[in-house]
Protein backbone atom coordinates (compact mmCIF):
# COMPACT_ATOMS: atom_id res chain seq x y z
CA MET A 1 50.04 120.24 79.57
CA SER A 2 51.22 117.27 77.49
CA GLU A 3 50.03 113.71 78.16
CA LYS A 4 53.65 112.80 79.22
CA GLU A 5 53.74 115.76 81.67
CA ALA A 6 50.46 114.97 83.04
CA ARG A 7 51.15 111.32 83.82
CA THR A 8 54.58 112.03 85.45
CA MET A 9 53.66 114.79 87.64
CA ARG A 10 52.93 114.32 91.32
CA LEU A 11 49.33 114.87 92.11
CA VAL A 12 48.01 115.39 95.51
CA PHE A 13 44.30 115.76 96.29
CA THR A 14 43.37 118.82 98.59
CA HIS A 15 39.68 117.70 98.77
CA MET A 16 39.15 114.18 100.11
CA ASN A 17 35.87 112.65 101.37
CA GLN A 18 37.54 111.03 104.37
CA ASP A 19 34.21 109.47 105.49
CA TYR A 20 34.10 107.22 102.26
CA PRO A 21 35.21 103.60 102.63
CA LEU A 22 38.30 104.51 100.42
CA PHE A 23 39.57 107.68 99.10
CA CYS A 24 42.86 108.63 97.21
CA GLU A 25 45.27 111.21 98.55
CA SER A 26 47.91 111.13 95.92
CA ILE A 27 48.88 109.24 92.63
CA GLY A 28 51.78 109.23 90.24
CA TYR A 29 53.61 107.02 87.84
CA GLU A 30 56.80 107.08 85.67
CA TRP A 31 57.94 109.29 88.46
CA ARG A 32 61.78 109.91 88.82
CA GLN A 33 62.02 108.96 92.44
CA GLU A 34 64.17 111.18 94.70
CA ALA A 35 65.52 109.87 97.98
CA ILE A 36 62.86 110.14 100.91
CA PHE A 37 63.46 110.09 104.59
CA ARG A 38 60.33 109.76 106.81
CA PRO A 39 61.18 109.40 110.55
CA GLN A 40 57.47 110.01 111.35
CA GLY A 41 56.16 107.92 108.56
CA TYR A 42 53.36 109.12 106.14
CA PRO A 43 49.80 109.96 107.22
CA PHE A 44 48.19 107.61 104.87
CA TYR A 45 48.54 104.06 103.41
CA HIS A 46 51.34 104.35 100.97
CA TRP A 47 51.81 101.91 98.07
CA LEU A 48 55.23 102.29 96.10
CA GLN A 49 56.26 100.06 93.30
CA THR A 50 59.24 100.12 90.90
CA ALA A 51 58.36 100.81 87.30
CA SER A 52 62.03 100.83 86.03
CA GLY A 53 65.42 100.76 87.55
CA GLU A 54 65.91 99.65 91.10
CA GLY A 55 65.43 101.15 94.59
CA THR A 56 65.86 100.26 98.36
CA VAL A 57 63.49 100.81 101.12
CA THR A 58 64.55 100.72 104.75
CA ILE A 59 61.86 100.03 107.21
CA GLY A 60 61.58 98.30 110.54
CA GLY A 61 65.47 97.92 110.65
CA THR A 62 65.52 95.98 107.40
CA THR A 63 66.46 97.17 103.89
CA TYR A 64 64.66 95.75 100.99
CA THR A 65 65.49 95.99 97.24
CA LEU A 66 62.63 96.87 95.06
CA PRO A 67 63.46 95.81 91.34
CA ALA A 68 61.02 96.32 88.57
CA GLY A 69 57.84 94.39 89.21
CA ALA A 70 58.08 94.59 93.16
CA GLY A 71 56.22 96.88 95.58
CA ILE A 72 55.59 97.73 99.02
CA LEU A 73 52.52 98.70 101.11
CA ILE A 74 53.19 100.84 104.23
CA ARG A 75 50.81 101.58 106.93
CA PRO A 76 50.37 105.20 108.08
CA GLY A 77 52.79 106.59 110.70
CA VAL A 78 55.59 103.82 110.18
CA PRO A 79 59.04 105.43 109.82
CA HIS A 80 60.75 104.63 106.59
CA SER A 81 63.16 105.71 104.01
CA TYR A 82 63.86 104.96 100.31
CA ARG A 83 66.31 105.84 97.60
CA GLY A 84 67.19 104.66 94.05
CA SER A 85 70.36 103.70 92.25
CA GLY A 86 70.54 105.52 89.08
CA ASN A 87 67.26 106.44 87.20
CA TRP A 88 64.65 104.86 89.60
CA GLN A 89 61.28 105.43 88.33
CA THR A 90 58.12 104.40 90.53
CA ALA A 91 54.42 104.32 90.47
CA TYR A 92 52.62 105.09 93.70
CA LEU A 93 49.31 105.48 95.42
CA THR A 94 48.49 106.99 98.82
CA PHE A 95 44.97 106.41 100.25
CA GLY A 96 42.89 106.07 103.29
CA GLY A 97 39.26 105.61 104.20
CA ALA A 98 36.85 104.51 106.77
CA LEU A 99 37.15 100.73 105.76
CA VAL A 100 40.71 100.68 104.75
CA ALA A 101 41.95 98.95 107.97
CA ASN A 102 39.57 96.08 107.29
CA LEU A 103 40.34 95.79 103.50
CA VAL A 104 44.02 95.46 104.13
CA THR A 105 43.70 92.80 106.86
CA PRO A 106 43.72 89.95 104.25
CA LEU A 107 47.10 91.02 103.14
CA GLY A 108 48.60 89.72 106.33
CA MET A 109 50.60 92.82 106.78
CA GLY A 110 52.15 94.16 109.96
CA ASP A 111 53.48 97.68 109.59
CA TYR A 112 54.27 96.91 105.93
CA ARG A 113 54.01 94.37 103.13
CA VAL A 114 56.60 93.59 100.47
CA ILE A 115 55.32 91.94 97.26
CA THR A 116 58.18 90.80 95.12
CA ASP A 117 56.43 89.56 92.06
CA LEU A 118 53.53 91.60 91.03
CA SER A 119 51.01 90.23 88.59
CA GLN A 120 50.62 92.21 85.32
CA PRO A 121 47.14 93.65 86.39
CA THR A 122 48.74 94.80 89.64
CA ALA A 123 51.79 96.21 88.13
CA ARG A 124 49.80 98.18 85.54
CA PHE A 125 47.00 99.36 87.77
CA VAL A 126 48.20 102.86 88.53
CA ALA A 127 49.09 103.59 84.98
CA ALA A 128 45.88 102.04 83.64
CA HIS A 129 43.71 104.07 86.06
CA TYR A 130 45.72 107.24 86.60
CA ALA A 131 43.46 109.37 84.27
CA THR A 132 40.27 108.32 86.21
CA LEU A 133 41.82 108.76 89.72
CA ALA A 134 43.41 111.97 88.88
CA ASN A 135 40.07 113.40 87.44
CA SER A 136 38.53 115.73 90.10
CA ALA A 137 35.11 115.34 88.27
CA VAL A 138 35.05 111.63 88.99
CA GLN A 139 32.59 110.51 91.60
CA ASP A 140 33.98 109.51 95.10
CA ARG A 141 32.18 106.29 94.65
CA VAL A 142 34.19 105.47 91.44
CA ILE A 143 37.43 106.23 93.23
CA ALA A 144 36.49 103.96 96.08
CA GLU A 145 35.51 101.08 93.67
CA LEU A 146 38.79 101.39 91.83
CA LEU A 147 40.86 101.26 95.01
CA PHE A 148 38.94 98.32 96.30
CA THR A 149 39.73 96.50 93.01
CA PHE A 150 43.41 97.37 93.56
CA LEU A 151 43.42 95.92 97.16
CA LEU A 152 41.84 92.84 95.71
CA LEU A 153 44.65 92.58 93.20
CA LEU A 154 47.21 92.96 95.97
CA ARG A 155 45.40 90.12 97.93
CA GLN A 156 45.65 87.89 95.10
CA ASP A 157 49.34 88.62 94.59
CA VAL A 158 49.97 87.85 98.27
CA GLU A 159 47.82 84.67 98.34
CA ILE A 160 49.14 83.30 95.13
CA GLY A 161 52.84 84.28 95.55
CA ALA A 162 54.93 81.88 93.68
CA ARG A 163 52.41 79.06 93.40
CA GLY A 164 51.88 77.32 90.13
CA MET A 165 50.66 79.31 87.13
CA ALA A 166 48.26 76.53 86.04
CA GLU A 167 46.35 76.94 89.36
CA ILE A 168 46.46 80.72 89.00
CA GLY A 169 44.82 80.22 85.60
CA ILE A 170 41.86 78.42 87.29
CA VAL A 171 41.36 80.81 90.33
CA THR A 172 41.79 84.16 88.39
CA PRO A 173 38.68 83.89 86.13
CA VAL A 174 36.52 82.78 89.08
CA LEU A 175 37.70 85.93 91.21
CA GLN A 176 36.94 88.06 88.22
CA TYR A 177 33.58 86.61 87.59
CA LEU A 178 32.63 86.78 91.31
CA ASP A 179 33.62 90.51 91.55
CA ALA A 180 31.68 91.52 88.32
CA HIS A 181 28.60 89.44 89.06
CA SER A 182 28.49 89.42 92.87
CA GLY A 183 24.93 91.00 92.70
CA GLU A 184 23.62 88.10 90.78
CA LYS A 185 22.59 84.42 91.62
CA ILE A 186 25.75 82.39 91.22
CA THR A 187 26.17 78.53 91.56
CA ASN A 188 29.20 76.20 91.94
CA THR A 189 28.28 74.83 88.62
CA GLN A 190 28.45 78.24 86.88
CA LEU A 191 31.76 78.79 88.48
CA ALA A 192 33.18 75.46 87.57
CA ALA A 193 32.11 76.02 83.90
CA LYS A 194 34.29 79.07 83.75
CA THR A 195 37.31 76.89 84.45
CA GLY A 196 36.52 73.68 82.51
CA TYR A 197 37.02 71.66 85.80
CA THR A 198 34.60 69.89 88.18
CA VAL A 199 33.11 71.61 90.98
CA GLN A 200 35.06 69.47 93.43
CA TYR A 201 38.44 70.29 91.80
CA LEU A 202 37.71 74.03 91.54
CA THR A 203 36.74 74.06 95.38
CA SER A 204 39.86 72.28 96.40
CA ILE A 205 42.12 74.66 94.39
CA PHE A 206 40.26 77.76 95.58
CA LYS A 207 40.34 76.72 99.21
CA ARG A 208 44.08 76.29 98.97
CA TYR A 209 44.42 79.89 98.06
CA TYR A 210 41.70 81.61 100.03
CA HIS A 211 41.02 79.09 102.83
CA GLN A 212 37.23 79.15 101.96
CA THR A 213 34.91 77.87 99.24
CA PRO A 214 33.99 80.12 96.30
CA LEU A 215 30.50 80.69 97.53
CA GLN A 216 31.93 81.44 101.05
CA TYR A 217 34.14 84.07 99.33
CA LEU A 218 31.27 85.37 97.47
CA GLN A 219 29.17 85.94 100.59
CA GLU A 220 32.17 87.83 102.27
CA LEU A 221 32.49 90.04 99.08
CA ARG A 222 28.80 90.71 99.10
CA LEU A 223 29.04 91.79 102.85
CA ARG A 224 32.01 94.05 102.22
CA LYS A 225 30.14 95.75 99.41
CA ALA A 226 27.05 96.04 101.66
CA LYS A 227 29.21 97.80 104.40
CA SER A 228 30.25 100.31 101.69
CA LEU A 229 26.79 100.83 100.37
CA LEU A 230 25.36 101.41 104.00
CA MET A 231 27.99 104.16 104.45
CA THR A 232 27.67 105.84 101.15
CA HIS A 233 23.91 105.62 100.66
CA PRO A 234 22.34 106.43 104.27
CA GLU A 235 19.01 106.98 102.48
CA TRP A 236 18.67 103.38 101.25
CA ASN A 237 16.64 100.87 103.25
CA VAL A 238 18.33 97.71 104.33
CA TYR A 239 16.40 95.53 101.89
CA GLU A 240 17.63 97.71 98.99
CA VAL A 241 21.21 97.16 100.09
CA ALA A 242 20.57 93.43 100.41
CA GLU A 243 19.03 93.29 97.05
CA GLN A 244 21.82 95.30 95.41
CA VAL A 245 24.64 93.01 96.66
CA GLY A 246 22.83 89.74 95.81
CA PHE A 247 20.83 88.71 98.87
CA THR A 248 17.39 87.67 98.00
CA ASP A 249 16.25 86.97 101.51
CA ASN A 250 16.31 90.13 103.74
CA SER A 251 16.39 88.19 107.14
CA GLN A 252 19.27 86.10 105.94
CA PHE A 253 21.21 89.25 104.91
CA ILE A 254 20.63 90.74 108.34
CA GLN A 255 21.69 87.62 110.19
CA ALA A 256 24.78 87.41 107.87
CA PHE A 257 25.76 90.90 108.28
CA LYS A 258 25.53 90.72 112.04
CA ALA A 259 27.72 87.62 112.20
CA TYR A 260 30.28 89.52 109.95
CA THR A 261 30.19 92.91 111.75
CA GLY A 262 28.63 92.48 115.14
CA GLN A 263 26.04 94.74 114.25
CA THR A 264 22.72 94.78 112.29
CA PRO A 265 22.92 96.59 109.00
CA LYS A 266 20.55 99.20 110.45
CA LYS A 267 22.60 99.94 113.53
CA PHE A 268 25.84 99.88 111.25
CA GLN A 269 24.11 102.54 109.03
CA GLN A 270 22.88 104.64 111.89
CA ALA A 271 26.27 104.77 113.78
CA ARG A 272 27.87 106.15 110.66
CA SER A 273 25.39 108.70 109.55
CA ARG A 274 25.37 110.70 112.77
């Protein structure tokens, strides 16, 4: 099979670890999209974006146009249909997981969410990571981490929207640094140095987009990663998870985790390992 054939075919996974925080059910890009009518919806979360051409999606009694650079995320079981005009090529992901409902909450979506101006990292994500996501030899953990990154990109696009590109340039490197170094000790001074602005200015811009300070965002990120690790590594002790995600004080981790989830880490882990 040629590279072109491989990347334009529809790939559906028959073996999925549905106990994982996130798993991929199907993936495709540069796909010549046919008309689809789904009165019962689709059984997994469905991301559909336009790579070239233009299509329309009808959902919830409204028809949306999806030009190049626009996409829609649809919840499972939501009736919808879509069709293209001319040569409509799409990229798509369908996915699920034990934590997916929590992870899409920041997108502020009801039954669906239309994003009309995708950032370049988001628009290129499916194509850039197709080979990894389509490789049956890749570990489930790697797939989950990639899908987590994709949802973070969608969240950035939703939060930022049409706001000023200058502020995007301030926030983006901070988000990237937090995600890449969340297990390390991080200070406001370090983050401000990534932008060239003062701590006070960075904090005000960051709160405008995420309604929390960078370090509050970091703690939430660590707790989300802790939930994932507790589910995927039932053999790990709580203090190992705490250390892995960046907490140096085990009691502080337990207190923060309980405030975030309503359960202690141990009870959360036990409930999901039965």
